[in-house]
C-alpha atoms as a PDB file:
ATOM      1  CA  MET A   1     100.027  89.773 107.393  1.00  0.00           C
ATOM      2  CA  ILE A   2     101.599  89.163 110.717  1.00  0.00           C
ATOM      3  CA  ASN A   3     100.143  91.183 113.599  1.00  0.00           C
ATOM      4  CA  PRO A   4      98.628  93.992 111.539  1.00  0.00           C
ATOM      5  CA  ALA A   5      99.589  97.407 112.820  1.00  0.00           C
ATOM      6  CA  VAL A   6      96.813  98.880 114.900  1.00  0.00           C
ATOM      7  CA  SER A   7      97.664 102.302 113.489  1.00  0.00           C
ATOM      8  CA  LEU A   8      96.498 101.163 110.056  1.00  0.00           C
ATOM      9  CA  GLY A   9      92.942 100.865 111.267  1.00  0.00           C
ATOM     10  CA  CYS A  10      90.345  98.533 109.885  1.00  0.00           C
ATOM     11  CA  GLU A  11      89.453 100.862 107.024  1.00  0.00           C
ATOM     12  CA  ASP A  12      92.800 100.041 105.426  1.00  0.00           C
ATOM     13  CA  PHE A  13      91.918  96.368 105.380  1.00  0.00           C
ATOM     14  CA  LYS A  14      88.766  96.823 103.332  1.00  0.00           C
ATOM     15  CA  SER A  15      90.879  96.740 100.170  1.00  0.00           C
ATOM     16  CA  LEU A  16      91.311  93.050 100.940  1.00  0.00           C
ATOM     17  CA  ALA A  17      87.643  92.605 100.020  1.00  0.00           C
ATOM     18  CA  GLU A  18      88.720  92.768  96.391  1.00  0.00           C
ATOM     19  CA  ARG A  19      90.452  89.405  96.828  1.00  0.00           C
ATOM     20  CA  LYS A  20      88.987  86.055  97.789  1.00  0.00           C
ATOM     21  CA  ILE A  21      88.932  85.716 101.556  1.00  0.00           C
ATOM     22  CA  GLN A  22      90.771  82.393 101.388  1.00  0.00           C
ATOM     23  CA  ASN A  23      93.750  84.251  99.827  1.00  0.00           C
ATOM     24  CA  ASN A  24      94.052  86.667 102.754  1.00  0.00           C
ATOM     25  CA  HIS A  25      95.609  85.561 106.022  1.00  0.00           C
ATOM     26  CA  VAL A  26      96.307  87.393 109.264  1.00  0.00           C
ATOM     27  CA  LEU A  27      98.356  85.855 112.063  1.00  0.00           C
ATOM     28  CA  ILE A  28      97.764  87.516 115.429  1.00  0.00           C
ATOM     29  CA  GLY A  29      99.076  86.743 118.860  1.00  0.00           C
ATOM     30  CA  SER A  30      96.401  86.850 121.545  1.00  0.00           C
ATOM     31  CA  ASN A  31      98.547  89.319 123.516  1.00  0.00           C
ATOM     32  CA  ASP A  32      99.067  91.684 120.582  1.00  0.00           C
ATOM     33  CA  PRO A  33      97.240  95.047 120.549  1.00  0.00           C
ATOM     34  CA  SER A  34      95.661  94.190 117.177  1.00  0.00           C
ATOM     35  CA  TYR A  35      93.962  91.129 118.719  1.00  0.00           C
ATOM     36  CA  LYS A  36      90.965  93.252 119.691  1.00  0.00           C
ATOM     37  CA  TYR A  37      90.262  93.793 115.969  1.00  0.00           C
ATOM     38  CA  ARG A  38      90.191  90.098 115.088  1.00  0.00           C
ATOM     39  CA  ASP A  39      86.448  90.097 114.376  1.00  0.00           C
ATOM     40  CA  GLU A  40      86.823  93.051 112.023  1.00  0.00           C
ATOM     41  CA  PHE A  41      89.781  91.405 110.257  1.00  0.00           C
ATOM     42  CA  ALA A  42      87.718  88.224 109.893  1.00  0.00           C
ATOM     43  CA  LYS A  43      85.357  90.060 107.554  1.00  0.00           C
ATOM     44  CA  TYR A  44      88.174  90.270 104.990  1.00  0.00           C
ATOM     45  CA  THR A  45      90.745  87.646 105.923  1.00  0.00           C
ATOM     46  CA  GLN A  46      91.247  84.284 107.482  1.00  0.00           C
ATOM     47  CA  VAL A  47      92.406  85.048 110.999  1.00  0.00           C
ATOM     48  CA  HIS A  48      94.833  82.695 112.706  1.00  0.00           C
ATOM     49  CA  ILE A  49      95.410  83.250 116.435  1.00  0.00           C
ATOM     50  CA  VAL A  50      98.462  82.120 118.361  1.00  0.00           C
ATOM     51  CA  ASP A  51      97.268  81.876 121.944  1.00  0.00           C
ATOM     52  CA  GLY A  52      99.659  83.611 124.332  1.00  0.00           C
ATOM     53  CA  ALA A  53     101.889  85.222 121.680  1.00  0.00           C
ATOM     54  CA  ASP A  54     102.765  88.894 121.909  1.00  0.00           C
ATOM     55  CA  HIS A  55     103.424  91.298 119.030  1.00  0.00           C
ATOM     56  CA  TYR A  56     106.962  89.968 118.599  1.00  0.00           C
ATOM     57  CA  PHE A  57     106.142  86.249 118.893  1.00  0.00           C
ATOM     58  CA  SER A  58     108.710  86.184 121.678  1.00  0.00           C
ATOM     59  CA  ASP A  59     110.283  83.137 123.260  1.00  0.00           C
ATOM     60  CA  LYS A  60     108.377  79.909 122.694  1.00  0.00           C
ATOM     61  CA  TYR A  61     106.169  81.521 120.035  1.00  0.00           C
ATOM     62  CA  LEU A  62     108.994  82.213 117.599  1.00  0.00           C
ATOM     63  CA  ASP A  63     108.434  78.877 115.861  1.00  0.00           C
ATOM     64  CA  ASP A  64     104.786  79.807 115.244  1.00  0.00           C
ATOM     65  CA  PHE A  65     106.025  82.904 113.428  1.00  0.00           C
ATOM     66  CA  ILE A  66     108.661  81.015 111.446  1.00  0.00           C
ATOM     67  CA  ASP A  67     106.274  78.216 110.467  1.00  0.00           C
ATOM     68  CA  ALA A  68     103.393  80.530 109.485  1.00  0.00           C
ATOM     69  CA  PRO A  69     104.098  80.689 105.718  1.00  0.00           C
ATOM     70  CA  LYS A  70     104.379  76.918 105.426  1.00  0.00           C
ATOM     71  CA  LYS A  71     101.335  76.322 107.592  1.00  0.00           C
ATOM     72  CA  TYR A  72      98.977  78.940 106.159  1.00  0.00           C
ATOM     73  CA  LEU A  73     100.231  79.816 102.678  1.00  0.00           C
ATOM     74  CA  TYR A  74     102.087  76.931 101.124  1.00  0.00           C
ATOM     75  CA  SER A  75      99.463  74.434 102.213  1.00  0.00           C
ATOM     76  CA  LEU A  76      96.795  76.165 100.088  1.00  0.00           C
ATOM     77  CA  LYS A  77      95.199  74.036  97.423  1.00  0.00           C
END
């Protein structure tokens, strides 16, 4: 997931507990509203933080967004 919607709430993420934590990934910008839930997400997912990125991964953070699948998913072993 990229910047999980705050409106989902953490209860919606508990279904991720049915999967191995190493198969669940959340990418959050440190300036995104969902950033405040990072510790809750970490109970069910691997949380990856892009320092300084907003919800849209604007400007210089766009490459972090584009490279996320390769970096966090396709590199799994």
